Amino acid sequence: MATTDPGAIQPSRRFELAAWLDRLLPKITLIPTLIAVGVFVYGFVAWTIWLSFTKSTLLPTNNFGGLVEYKALFTLDTWWVSLANLAIFGLLYIVICLALGLFLAILLDQKIRAVGLFRTFYLYPMALSMVVTGVVWKWILNPGLGIQHVVRSLGWSHFTFNWLIKPDMAIYAVVVAAVWQASGFVMTLFLAGLRNIDDSIIKAAQLDGASLPRVYLSIIIPTLRPVVFSAVILLVALAIKSFALIIAMTGGGPGYSTWLPAIFMYNFGFNRGQIGLGAAAATLMMVAIGLVILPMLISELREKREARNG
């Protein structure tokens, strides 16, 4: 009668236990991170949405007020100014960064010497914090210290460049600083995309008589659509984070001329003790971001699915 050797079973069980632990340990190590994200990100997002439907003022309360704070929000001139500034800032910021980043990437893609040095030079501003960028450009654009002062000291006594203190031009000064910081990063994204394009496609088009500008407009730039999509997503996120840039550069002034919804939310939610109103502004900002990003994301996923199935 055959008997089973217990010593042969033991190593097999140990192997199964080790394999089970190998599968389980990565999940266990992720649990603290998932809990932290769930509480401190999504938990506070949900709490902010709830506060936007309450009559919270100096301290949070649970007194449900319905859409009272949202109605009050759209009666304030400062909110409409913030939305108008966001439209100006966001549109100019994204369009100029994309155009300048693509232009610089095309130049660097021409196999020039010291391309690594130029790429580092253009990318360096991205390594700076928004606060540092804001302080530097506050000095550069200060009429008494920066560009205007330097040019006048060279003999052009009537030269004027005072955007920073003009209410109708201050938002454009912020755009200049923001573009300076982010365009080099966008350039790097486009340069990586250009380097991944097969040279044989370009050579074939040139053999067919296509000029270099036509090659870029008809072949290369359409091929960079996924890069454009990624760049837009990142620029939208950076535009939202421009709160620190504006605080360091203009403080929201002169007056309300450089207020964005984030500045509005901070001032009303923390400085003026109207938490419900600030939460309503924050909730609308989140909804607006979703309305911008989700259609682009859905369109990109649909195209990838069609390309995979086609």
C-alpha atoms as a PDB file:
ATOM      1  CA  MET A   1       0.000   0.000   0.000  1.00  0.00           C
ATOM      2  CA  ALA A   2       1.473   3.344  -1.095  1.00  0.00           C
ATOM      3  CA  THR A   3       2.021   6.026   1.536  1.00  0.00           C
ATOM      4  CA  THR A   4       2.475   9.764   1.063  1.00  0.00           C
ATOM      5  CA  ASP A   5       5.695  11.258   2.311  1.00  0.00           C
ATOM      6  CA  PRO A   6       4.859  14.226   4.614  1.00  0.00           C
ATOM      7  CA  GLY A   7       8.218  15.767   3.762  1.00  0.00           C
ATOM      8  CA  ALA A   8       7.204  16.052   0.111  1.00  0.00           C
ATOM      9  CA  ILE A   9       3.989  17.936   0.943  1.00  0.00           C
ATOM     10  CA  GLN A  10       5.577  20.478   3.267  1.00  0.00           C
ATOM     11  CA  PRO A  11       7.757  22.282   0.654  1.00  0.00           C
ATOM     12  CA  SER A  12       4.760  22.482  -1.703  1.00  0.00           C
ATOM     13  CA  ARG A  13       2.632  24.136   0.971  1.00  0.00           C
ATOM     14  CA  ARG A  14       5.434  26.532   1.802  1.00  0.00           C
ATOM     15  CA  PHE A  15       5.697  27.455  -1.881  1.00  0.00           C
ATOM     16  CA  GLU A  16       1.942  28.080  -2.112  1.00  0.00           C
ATOM     17  CA  LEU A  17       2.024  30.203   1.047  1.00  0.00           C
ATOM     18  CA  ALA A  18       4.961  32.262  -0.297  1.00  0.00           C
ATOM     19  CA  ALA A  19       3.150  32.797  -3.613  1.00  0.00           C
ATOM     20  CA  TRP A  20      -0.021  33.846  -1.747  1.00  0.00           C
ATOM     21  CA  LEU A  21       1.953  36.335   0.347  1.00  0.00           C
ATOM     22  CA  ASP A  22       3.664  37.709  -2.775  1.00  0.00           C
ATOM     23  CA  ARG A  23       0.245  38.467  -4.240  1.00  0.00           C
ATOM     24  CA  LEU A  24      -1.172  39.866  -1.006  1.00  0.00           C
ATOM     25  CA  LEU A  25       1.680  42.077   0.247  1.00  0.00           C
ATOM     26  CA  PRO A  26       1.497  44.699  -2.556  1.00  0.00           C
ATOM     27  CA  LYS A  27      -2.217  45.115  -1.844  1.00  0.00           C
ATOM     28  CA  ILE A  28      -1.582  45.455   1.890  1.00  0.00           C
ATOM     29  CA  THR A  29       1.066  48.136   1.342  1.00  0.00           C
ATOM     30  CA  LEU A  30      -1.414  50.129  -0.769  1.00  0.00           C
ATOM     31  CA  ILE A  31      -4.105  50.161   1.928  1.00  0.00           C
ATOM     32  CA  PRO A  32      -2.700  53.164   3.913  1.00  0.00           C
ATOM     33  CA  THR A  33      -2.339  55.187   0.691  1.00  0.00           C
ATOM     34  CA  LEU A  34      -5.873  54.328  -0.441  1.00  0.00           C
ATOM     35  CA  ILE A  35      -7.264  55.281   2.968  1.00  0.00           C
ATOM     36  CA  ALA A  36      -5.342  58.584   2.952  1.00  0.00           C
ATOM     37  CA  VAL A  37      -6.500  59.439  -0.587  1.00  0.00           C
ATOM     38  CA  GLY A  38     -10.066  58.443   0.213  1.00  0.00           C
ATOM     39  CA  VAL A  39     -10.180  60.620   3.350  1.00  0.00           C
ATOM     40  CA  PHE A  40      -7.986  63.606   2.500  1.00  0.00           C
ATOM     41  CA  VAL A  41      -8.862  63.938  -1.201  1.00  0.00           C
ATOM     42  CA  TYR A  42     -12.261  62.490  -2.016  1.00  0.00           C
ATOM     43  CA  GLY A  43     -13.537  62.885   1.538  1.00  0.00           C
ATOM     44  CA  PHE A  44     -12.760  66.594   1.602  1.00  0.00           C
ATOM     45  CA  VAL A  45     -14.107  67.023  -1.936  1.00  0.00           C
ATOM     46  CA  ALA A  46     -17.407  65.520  -0.784  1.00  0.00           C
ATOM     47  CA  TRP A  47     -17.359  67.708   2.333  1.00  0.00           C
ATOM     48  CA  THR A  48     -16.738  70.838   0.240  1.00  0.00           C
ATOM     49  CA  ILE A  49     -19.696  69.977  -1.997  1.00  0.00           C
ATOM     50  CA  TRP A  50     -21.871  69.505   1.078  1.00  0.00           C
ATOM     51  CA  LEU A  51     -20.734  72.830   2.566  1.00  0.00           C
ATOM     52  CA  SER A  52     -21.732  74.572  -0.666  1.00  0.00           C
ATOM     53  CA  PHE A  53     -25.354  73.602   0.108  1.00  0.00           C
ATOM     54  CA  THR A  54     -25.210  74.902   3.688  1.00  0.00           C
ATOM     55  CA  LYS A  55     -25.364  78.382   5.226  1.00  0.00           C
ATOM     56  CA  SER A  56     -21.860  78.117   6.667  1.00  0.00           C
ATOM     57  CA  THR A  57     -20.197  81.418   7.474  1.00  0.00           C
ATOM     58  CA  LEU A  58     -17.252  81.740   9.826  1.00  0.00           C
ATOM     59  CA  LEU A  59     -17.475  78.063  10.891  1.00  0.00           C
ATOM     60  CA  PRO A  60     -18.899  75.043   9.024  1.00  0.00           C
ATOM     61  CA  THR A  61     -22.483  74.155   9.883  1.00  0.00           C
ATOM     62  CA  ASN A  62     -24.963  71.517   8.772  1.00  0.00           C
ATOM     63  CA  ASN A  63     -27.825  73.960   8.209  1.00  0.00           C
ATOM     64  CA  PHE A  64     -29.010  72.978   4.738  1.00  0.00           C
ATOM     65  CA  GLY A  65     -29.628  76.015   2.579  1.00  0.00           C
ATOM     66  CA  GLY A  66     -30.163  74.494  -0.849  1.00  0.00           C
ATOM     67  CA  LEU A  67     -28.922  76.677  -3.698  1.00  0.00           C
ATOM     68  CA  VAL A  68     -28.787  79.872  -1.645  1.00  0.00           C
ATOM     69  CA  GLU A  69     -24.998  80.197  -1.853  1.00  0.00           C
ATOM     70  CA  TYR A  70     -24.988  79.506  -5.595  1.00  0.00           C
ATOM     71  CA  LYS A  71     -27.621  82.179  -6.179  1.00  0.00           C
ATOM     72  CA  ALA A  72     -25.643  84.649  -4.071  1.00  0.00           C
ATOM     73  CA  LEU A  73     -22.485  83.748  -5.974  1.00  0.00           C
ATOM     74  CA  PHE A  74     -23.860  84.851  -9.328  1.00  0.00           C
ATOM     75  CA  THR A  75     -25.066  88.174  -7.949  1.00  0.00           C
ATOM     76  CA  LEU A  76     -21.515  89.270  -7.071  1.00  0.00           C
ATOM     77  CA  ASP A  77     -19.588  91.381  -9.571  1.00  0.00           C
ATOM     78  CA  THR A  78     -16.299  89.985  -8.283  1.00  0.00           C
ATOM     79  CA  TRP A  79     -17.378  86.471  -9.317  1.00  0.00           C
ATOM     80  CA  TRP A  80     -18.116  87.601 -12.864  1.00  0.00           C
ATOM     81  CA  VAL A  81     -14.789  89.443 -12.982  1.00  0.00           C
ATOM     82  CA  SER A  82     -13.065  86.253 -11.836  1.00  0.00           C
ATOM     83  CA  LEU A  83     -14.764  84.215 -14.572  1.00  0.00           C
ATOM     84  CA  ALA A  84     -13.837  86.764 -17.236  1.00  0.00           C
ATOM     85  CA  ASN A  85     -10.223  86.769 -16.042  1.00  0.00           C
ATOM     86  CA  LEU A  86     -10.170  82.970 -16.063  1.00  0.00           C
ATOM     87  CA  ALA A  87     -11.395  82.916 -19.670  1.00  0.00           C
ATOM     88  CA  ILE A  88      -8.713  85.411 -20.727  1.00  0.00           C
ATOM     89  CA  PHE A  89      -5.929  83.824 -18.715  1.00  0.00           C
ATOM     90  CA  GLY A  90      -6.795  80.203 -19.512  1.00  0.00           C
ATOM     91  CA  LEU A  91      -7.251  80.703 -23.245  1.00  0.00           C
ATOM     92  CA  LEU A  92      -4.113  82.786 -23.756  1.00  0.00           C
ATOM     93  CA  TYR A  93      -2.043  80.610 -21.437  1.00  0.00           C
ATOM     94  CA  ILE A  94      -2.922  77.326 -23.137  1.00  0.00           C
ATOM     95  CA  VAL A  95      -2.821  78.600 -26.742  1.00  0.00           C
ATOM     96  CA  ILE A  96       0.482  80.504 -26.364  1.00  0.00           C
ATOM     97  CA  CYS A  97       2.159  77.656 -24.479  1.00  0.00           C
ATOM     98  CA  LEU A  98       1.123  75.161 -27.163  1.00  0.00           C
ATOM     99  CA  ALA A  99       2.198  77.415 -30.049  1.00  0.00           C
ATOM    100  CA  LEU A 100       5.497  78.481 -28.464  1.00  0.00           C
ATOM    101  CA  GLY A 101       6.286  74.981 -27.214  1.00  0.00           C
ATOM    102  CA  LEU A 102       5.668  73.483 -30.660  1.00  0.00           C
ATOM    103  CA  PHE A 103       7.734  76.202 -32.353  1.00  0.00           C
ATOM    104  CA  LEU A 104      10.700  75.661 -30.017  1.00  0.00           C
ATOM    105  CA  ALA A 105      10.433  71.883 -30.392  1.00  0.00           C
ATOM    106  CA  ILE A 106      10.519  72.143 -34.188  1.00  0.00           C
ATOM    107  CA  LEU A 107      13.613  74.363 -33.980  1.00  0.00           C
ATOM    108  CA  LEU A 108      15.408  71.978 -31.657  1.00  0.00           C
ATOM    109  CA  ASP A 109      14.384  69.028 -33.825  1.00  0.00           C
ATOM    110  CA  GLN A 110      16.559  70.351 -36.659  1.00  0.00           C
ATOM    111  CA  LYS A 111      19.591  68.528 -35.186  1.00  0.00           C
ATOM    112  CA  ILE A 112      21.272  71.732 -34.018  1.00  0.00           C
ATOM    113  CA  ARG A 113      24.359  71.630 -31.861  1.00  0.00           C
ATOM    114  CA  ALA A 114      24.120  71.681 -28.066  1.00  0.00           C
ATOM    115  CA  VAL A 115      20.447  70.673 -28.222  1.00  0.00           C
ATOM    116  CA  GLY A 116      20.701  69.301 -24.674  1.00  0.00           C
ATOM    117  CA  LEU A 117      21.918  72.659 -23.379  1.00  0.00           C
ATOM    118  CA  PHE A 118      19.080  74.559 -25.061  1.00  0.00           C
ATOM    119  CA  ARG A 119      16.522  72.030 -23.846  1.00  0.00           C
ATOM    120  CA  THR A 120      17.774  72.409 -20.273  1.00  0.00           C
ATOM    121  CA  PHE A 121      17.733  76.201 -20.614  1.00  0.00           C
ATOM    122  CA  TYR A 122      14.117  76.267 -21.757  1.00  0.00           C
ATOM    123  CA  LEU A 123      13.015  73.616 -19.246  1.00  0.00           C
ATOM    124  CA  TYR A 124      14.673  75.257 -16.237  1.00  0.00           C
ATOM    125  CA  PRO A 125      11.784  77.686 -15.438  1.00  0.00           C
ATOM    126  CA  MET A 126       9.511  74.691 -14.833  1.00  0.00           C
ATOM    127  CA  ALA A 127      11.759  73.658 -11.944  1.00  0.00           C
ATOM    128  CA  LEU A 128      10.952  76.915 -10.164  1.00  0.00           C
ATOM    129  CA  SER A 129       7.950  77.152  -7.879  1.00  0.00           C
ATOM    130  CA  MET A 130       5.029  79.393  -8.750  1.00  0.00           C
ATOM    131  CA  VAL A 131       5.917  81.655  -5.833  1.00  0.00           C
ATOM    132  CA  VAL A 132       9.489  82.178  -7.072  1.00  0.00           C
ATOM    133  CA  THR A 133       8.237  82.855 -10.602  1.00  0.00           C
ATOM    134  CA  GLY A 134       5.720  85.367  -9.294  1.00  0.00           C
ATOM    135  CA  VAL A 135       8.294  87.235  -7.207  1.00  0.00           C
ATOM    136  CA  VAL A 136      10.817  87.354 -10.088  1.00  0.00           C
ATOM    137  CA  TRP A 137       8.285  88.681 -12.594  1.00  0.00           C
ATOM    138  CA  LYS A 138       6.906  91.123 -10.041  1.00  0.00           C
ATOM    139  CA  TRP A 139      10.382  92.656  -9.961  1.00  0.00           C
ATOM    140  CA  ILE A 140      10.879  92.472 -13.752  1.00  0.00           C
ATOM    141  CA  LEU A 141       7.565  94.196 -14.502  1.00  0.00           C
ATOM    142  CA  ASN A 142       7.763  96.713 -11.654  1.00  0.00           C
ATOM    143  CA  PRO A 143       7.886 100.150 -13.365  1.00  0.00           C
ATOM    144  CA  GLY A 144      10.257 101.522 -10.755  1.00  0.00           C
ATOM    145  CA  LEU A 145      12.704  98.588 -10.760  1.00  0.00           C
ATOM    146  CA  GLY A 146      12.339  96.403 -13.834  1.00  0.00           C
ATOM    147  CA  ILE A 147      12.138  96.741 -17.614  1.00  0.00           C
ATOM    148  CA  GLN A 148      10.695 100.250 -17.671  1.00  0.00           C
ATOM    149  CA  HIS A 149      13.314 101.577 -15.242  1.00  0.00           C
ATOM    150  CA  VAL A 150      16.206  99.927 -17.133  1.00  0.00           C
ATOM    151  CA  VAL A 151      15.105 101.191 -20.557  1.00  0.00           C
ATOM    152  CA  ARG A 152      14.552 104.723 -19.260  1.00  0.00           C
ATOM    153  CA  SER A 153      17.994 104.698 -17.636  1.00  0.00           C
ATOM    154  CA  LEU A 154      19.445 103.976 -21.110  1.00  0.00           C
ATOM    155  CA  GLY A 155      18.008 107.223 -22.480  1.00  0.00           C
ATOM    156  CA  TRP A 156      14.439 106.382 -23.614  1.00  0.00           C
ATOM    157  CA  SER A 157      12.804 108.562 -20.982  1.00  0.00           C
ATOM    158  CA  HIS A 158       9.285 108.192 -22.422  1.00  0.00           C
ATOM    159  CA  PHE A 159       9.306 104.387 -22.597  1.00  0.00           C
ATOM    160  CA  THR A 160       6.378 102.875 -20.701  1.00  0.00           C
ATOM    161  CA  PHE A 161       5.828  99.271 -19.664  1.00  0.00           C
ATOM    162  CA  ASN A 162       3.558  99.375 -16.616  1.00  0.00           C
ATOM    163  CA  TRP A 163       1.210  96.452 -17.201  1.00  0.00           C
ATOM    164  CA  LEU A 164       1.539  95.305 -13.608  1.00  0.00           C
ATOM    165  CA  ILE A 165      -0.103  98.430 -12.180  1.00  0.00           C
ATOM    166  CA  LYS A 166      -2.748  98.937 -14.894  1.00  0.00           C
ATOM    167  CA  PRO A 167      -6.058  97.197 -14.062  1.00  0.00           C
ATOM    168  CA  ASP A 168      -6.845  96.526 -17.724  1.00  0.00           C
ATOM    169  CA  MET A 169      -3.404  94.997 -18.467  1.00  0.00           C
ATOM    170  CA  ALA A 170      -2.424  93.236 -15.223  1.00  0.00           C
ATOM    171  CA  ILE A 171      -3.976  89.901 -16.225  1.00  0.00           C
ATOM    172  CA  TYR A 172      -1.812  89.883 -19.369  1.00  0.00           C
ATOM    173  CA  ALA A 173       1.285  90.414 -17.224  1.00  0.00           C
ATOM    174  CA  VAL A 174       0.311  87.271 -15.306  1.00  0.00           C
ATOM    175  CA  VAL A 175      -0.075  85.419 -18.627  1.00  0.00           C
ATOM    176  CA  VAL A 176       3.491  86.426 -19.587  1.00  0.00           C
ATOM    177  CA  ALA A 177       4.907  85.006 -16.358  1.00  0.00           C
ATOM    178  CA  ALA A 178       2.866  81.798 -16.584  1.00  0.00           C
ATOM    179  CA  VAL A 179       3.841  81.189 -20.225  1.00  0.00           C
ATOM    180  CA  TRP A 180       7.510  81.765 -19.399  1.00  0.00           C
ATOM    181  CA  GLN A 181       7.360  79.026 -16.798  1.00  0.00           C
ATOM    182  CA  ALA A 182       5.387  76.372 -18.694  1.00  0.00           C
ATOM    183  CA  SER A 183       6.301  76.748 -22.381  1.00  0.00           C
ATOM    184  CA  GLY A 184       9.649  74.968 -21.969  1.00  0.00           C
ATOM    185  CA  PHE A 185       7.904  71.953 -20.450  1.00  0.00           C
ATOM    186  CA  VAL A 186       5.436  71.845 -23.350  1.00  0.00           C
ATOM    187  CA  MET A 187       8.411  72.101 -25.715  1.00  0.00           C
ATOM    188  CA  THR A 188       9.924  68.988 -24.134  1.00  0.00           C
ATOM    189  CA  LEU A 189       6.681  67.050 -24.638  1.00  0.00           C
ATOM    190  CA  PHE A 190       6.501  68.029 -28.304  1.00  0.00           C
ATOM    191  CA  LEU A 191      10.211  67.317 -28.818  1.00  0.00           C
ATOM    192  CA  ALA A 192       9.763  63.803 -27.433  1.00  0.00           C
ATOM    193  CA  GLY A 193       6.831  63.307 -29.813  1.00  0.00           C
ATOM    194  CA  LEU A 194       8.827  64.585 -32.800  1.00  0.00           C
ATOM    195  CA  ARG A 195      11.700  62.244 -32.013  1.00  0.00           C
ATOM    196  CA  ASN A 196       9.312  59.271 -32.101  1.00  0.00           C
ATOM    197  CA  ILE A 197       8.116  60.006 -35.653  1.00  0.00           C
ATOM    198  CA  ASP A 198       9.613  57.741 -38.300  1.00  0.00           C
ATOM    199  CA  ASP A 199      12.007  59.712 -40.540  1.00  0.00           C
ATOM    200  CA  SER A 200      11.043  57.576 -43.518  1.00  0.00           C
ATOM    201  CA  ILE A 201       7.584  59.203 -43.584  1.00  0.00           C
ATOM    202  CA  ILE A 202       9.163  62.660 -43.840  1.00  0.00           C
ATOM    203  CA  LYS A 203      11.609  61.551 -46.529  1.00  0.00           C
ATOM    204  CA  ALA A 204       8.820  59.919 -48.554  1.00  0.00           C
ATOM    205  CA  ALA A 205       6.763  63.108 -48.426  1.00  0.00           C
ATOM    206  CA  GLN A 206       9.761  65.200 -49.496  1.00  0.00           C
ATOM    207  CA  LEU A 207      10.421  62.830 -52.419  1.00  0.00           C
ATOM    208  CA  ASP A 208       6.839  63.442 -53.514  1.00  0.00           C
ATOM    209  CA  GLY A 209       7.630  67.158 -53.697  1.00  0.00           C
ATOM    210  CA  ALA A 210       6.192  68.333 -50.363  1.00  0.00           C
ATOM    211  CA  SER A 211       7.986  71.292 -48.813  1.00  0.00           C
ATOM    212  CA  LEU A 212       9.157  71.145 -45.199  1.00  0.00           C
ATOM    213  CA  PRO A 213       6.378  73.472 -43.925  1.00  0.00           C
ATOM    214  CA  ARG A 214       3.794  71.338 -45.758  1.00  0.00           C
ATOM    215  CA  VAL A 215       5.270  68.177 -44.202  1.00  0.00           C
ATOM    216  CA  TYR A 216       4.908  69.647 -40.720  1.00  0.00           C
ATOM    217  CA  LEU A 217       1.392  71.012 -41.306  1.00  0.00           C
ATOM    218  CA  SER A 218      -0.042  67.967 -43.085  1.00  0.00           C
ATOM    219  CA  ILE A 219       1.833  65.033 -41.549  1.00  0.00           C
ATOM    220  CA  ILE A 220       3.850  65.742 -38.435  1.00  0.00           C
ATOM    221  CA  ILE A 221       1.567  68.066 -36.460  1.00  0.00           C
ATOM    222  CA  PRO A 222      -1.552  65.848 -36.912  1.00  0.00           C
ATOM    223  CA  THR A 223       0.564  62.917 -35.721  1.00  0.00           C
ATOM    224  CA  LEU A 224       1.265  64.836 -32.495  1.00  0.00           C
ATOM    225  CA  ARG A 225      -2.402  64.886 -31.472  1.00  0.00           C
ATOM    226  CA  PRO A 226      -1.873  62.602 -28.414  1.00  0.00           C
ATOM    227  CA  VAL A 227       0.923  64.926 -27.272  1.00  0.00           C
ATOM    228  CA  VAL A 228      -1.370  67.943 -27.693  1.00  0.00           C
ATOM    229  CA  PHE A 229      -4.018  66.157 -25.625  1.00  0.00           C
ATOM    230  CA  SER A 230      -1.541  65.437 -22.809  1.00  0.00           C
ATOM    231  CA  ALA A 231      -0.185  68.991 -22.934  1.00  0.00           C
ATOM    232  CA  VAL A 232      -3.674  70.513 -22.685  1.00  0.00           C
ATOM    233  CA  ILE A 233      -4.521  68.361 -19.657  1.00  0.00           C
ATOM    234  CA  LEU A 234      -1.307  69.423 -17.921  1.00  0.00           C
ATOM    235  CA  LEU A 235      -1.789  73.091 -18.820  1.00  0.00           C
ATOM    236  CA  VAL A 236      -5.336  73.066 -17.457  1.00  0.00           C
ATOM    237  CA  ALA A 237      -3.968  71.690 -14.169  1.00  0.00           C
ATOM    238  CA  LEU A 238      -1.186  74.282 -14.127  1.00  0.00           C
ATOM    239  CA  ALA A 239      -3.670  77.075 -14.830  1.00  0.00           C
ATOM    240  CA  ILE A 240      -5.623  76.030 -11.766  1.00  0.00           C
ATOM    241  CA  LYS A 241      -2.415  76.010  -9.715  1.00  0.00           C
ATOM    242  CA  SER A 242      -1.662  79.575 -10.803  1.00  0.00           C
ATOM    243  CA  PHE A 243      -3.223  80.700  -7.516  1.00  0.00           C
ATOM    244  CA  ALA A 244       0.254  80.887  -5.960  1.00  0.00           C
ATOM    245  CA  LEU A 245       1.626  82.769  -8.976  1.00  0.00           C
ATOM    246  CA  ILE A 246      -1.042  85.467  -8.742  1.00  0.00           C
ATOM    247  CA  ILE A 247      -0.760  85.798  -4.966  1.00  0.00           C
ATOM    248  CA  ALA A 248       3.017  86.269  -5.235  1.00  0.00           C
ATOM    249  CA  MET A 249       2.889  88.518  -8.286  1.00  0.00           C
ATOM    250  CA  THR A 250      -0.157  90.775  -7.882  1.00  0.00           C
ATOM    251  CA  GLY A 251      -2.051  89.625  -4.800  1.00  0.00           C
ATOM    252  CA  GLY A 252      -5.161  89.716  -7.000  1.00  0.00           C
ATOM    253  CA  GLY A 253      -4.782  93.432  -7.741  1.00  0.00           C
ATOM    254  CA  PRO A 254      -4.826  96.125  -8.783  1.00  0.00           C
ATOM    255  CA  GLY A 255      -8.302  95.988  -7.240  1.00  0.00           C
ATOM    256  CA  TYR A 256      -9.927  92.794  -8.527  1.00  0.00           C
ATOM    257  CA  SER A 257      -8.255  92.924 -11.940  1.00  0.00           C
ATOM    258  CA  THR A 258      -6.324  89.647 -11.557  1.00  0.00           C
ATOM    259  CA  TRP A 259      -8.839  87.696  -9.495  1.00  0.00           C
ATOM    260  CA  LEU A 260      -9.476  84.140 -10.671  1.00  0.00           C
ATOM    261  CA  PRO A 261     -12.110  81.799  -9.177  1.00  0.00           C
ATOM    262  CA  ALA A 262      -9.395  80.305  -6.947  1.00  0.00           C
ATOM    263  CA  ILE A 263      -8.560  83.771  -5.580  1.00  0.00           C
ATOM    264  CA  PHE A 264     -12.288  84.453  -5.113  1.00  0.00           C
ATOM    265  CA  MET A 265     -12.745  81.168  -3.249  1.00  0.00           C
ATOM    266  CA  TYR A 266      -9.765  81.840  -0.967  1.00  0.00           C
ATOM    267  CA  ASN A 267     -10.829  85.399  -0.125  1.00  0.00           C
ATOM    268  CA  PHE A 268     -14.460  84.632   0.612  1.00  0.00           C
ATOM    269  CA  GLY A 269     -13.899  81.231   2.206  1.00  0.00           C
ATOM    270  CA  PHE A 270     -11.020  82.170   4.509  1.00  0.00           C
ATOM    271  CA  ASN A 271     -10.512  85.944   4.675  1.00  0.00           C
ATOM    272  CA  ARG A 272     -14.163  87.057   4.755  1.00  0.00           C
ATOM    273  CA  GLY A 273     -15.616  84.158   6.720  1.00  0.00           C
ATOM    274  CA  GLN A 274     -18.134  82.995   4.103  1.00  0.00           C
ATOM    275  CA  ILE A 275     -17.293  79.317   3.912  1.00  0.00           C
ATOM    276  CA  GLY A 276     -20.499  78.308   2.126  1.00  0.00           C
ATOM    277  CA  LEU A 277     -19.906  80.856  -0.637  1.00  0.00           C
ATOM    278  CA  GLY A 278     -16.270  79.806  -1.005  1.00  0.00           C
ATOM    279  CA  ALA A 279     -17.301  76.129  -1.147  1.00  0.00           C
ATOM    280  CA  ALA A 280     -19.846  76.934  -3.879  1.00  0.00           C
ATOM    281  CA  ALA A 281     -17.116  78.638  -5.918  1.00  0.00           C
ATOM    282  CA  ALA A 282     -14.788  75.649  -5.406  1.00  0.00           C
ATOM    283  CA  THR A 283     -17.527  73.208  -6.468  1.00  0.00           C
ATOM    284  CA  LEU A 284     -18.225  75.146  -9.659  1.00  0.00           C
ATOM    285  CA  MET A 285     -14.496  75.174 -10.426  1.00  0.00           C
ATOM    286  CA  MET A 286     -14.402  71.379 -10.096  1.00  0.00           C
ATOM    287  CA  VAL A 287     -17.449  71.009 -12.353  1.00  0.00           C
ATOM    288  CA  ALA A 288     -15.886  73.317 -14.956  1.00  0.00           C
ATOM    289  CA  ILE A 289     -12.674  71.269 -14.970  1.00  0.00           C
ATOM    290  CA  GLY A 290     -14.681  68.112 -15.533  1.00  0.00           C
ATOM    291  CA  LEU A 291     -16.634  69.693 -18.394  1.00  0.00           C
ATOM    292  CA  VAL A 292     -13.344  70.626 -20.083  1.00  0.00           C
ATOM    293  CA  ILE A 293     -11.381  67.422 -19.538  1.00  0.00           C
ATOM    294  CA  LEU A 294     -14.009  64.659 -19.750  1.00  0.00           C
ATOM    295  CA  PRO A 295     -15.108  65.278 -23.378  1.00  0.00           C
ATOM    296  CA  MET A 296     -11.468  65.325 -24.490  1.00  0.00           C
ATOM    297  CA  LEU A 297     -10.771  62.140 -22.553  1.00  0.00           C
ATOM    298  CA  ILE A 298     -13.836  60.363 -23.937  1.00  0.00           C
ATOM    299  CA  SER A 299     -12.946  61.413 -27.492  1.00  0.00           C
ATOM    300  CA  GLU A 300      -9.371  60.170 -27.079  1.00  0.00           C
ATOM    301  CA  LEU A 301     -10.495  56.817 -25.648  1.00  0.00           C
ATOM    302  CA  ARG A 302     -13.043  56.383 -28.452  1.00  0.00           C
ATOM    303  CA  GLU A 303     -10.400  57.003 -31.109  1.00  0.00           C
ATOM    304  CA  LYS A 304      -8.012  54.532 -29.479  1.00  0.00           C
ATOM    305  CA  ARG A 305     -10.791  51.913 -29.341  1.00  0.00           C
ATOM    306  CA  GLU A 306     -11.667  52.487 -32.996  1.00  0.00           C
ATOM    307  CA  ALA A 307      -8.012  52.269 -34.008  1.00  0.00           C
ATOM    308  CA  ARG A 308      -7.629  49.025 -32.081  1.00  0.00           C
ATOM    309  CA  ASN A 309     -10.774  47.483 -33.547  1.00  0.00           C
ATOM    310  CA  GLY A 310     -10.264  48.865 -37.038  1.00  0.00           C
END
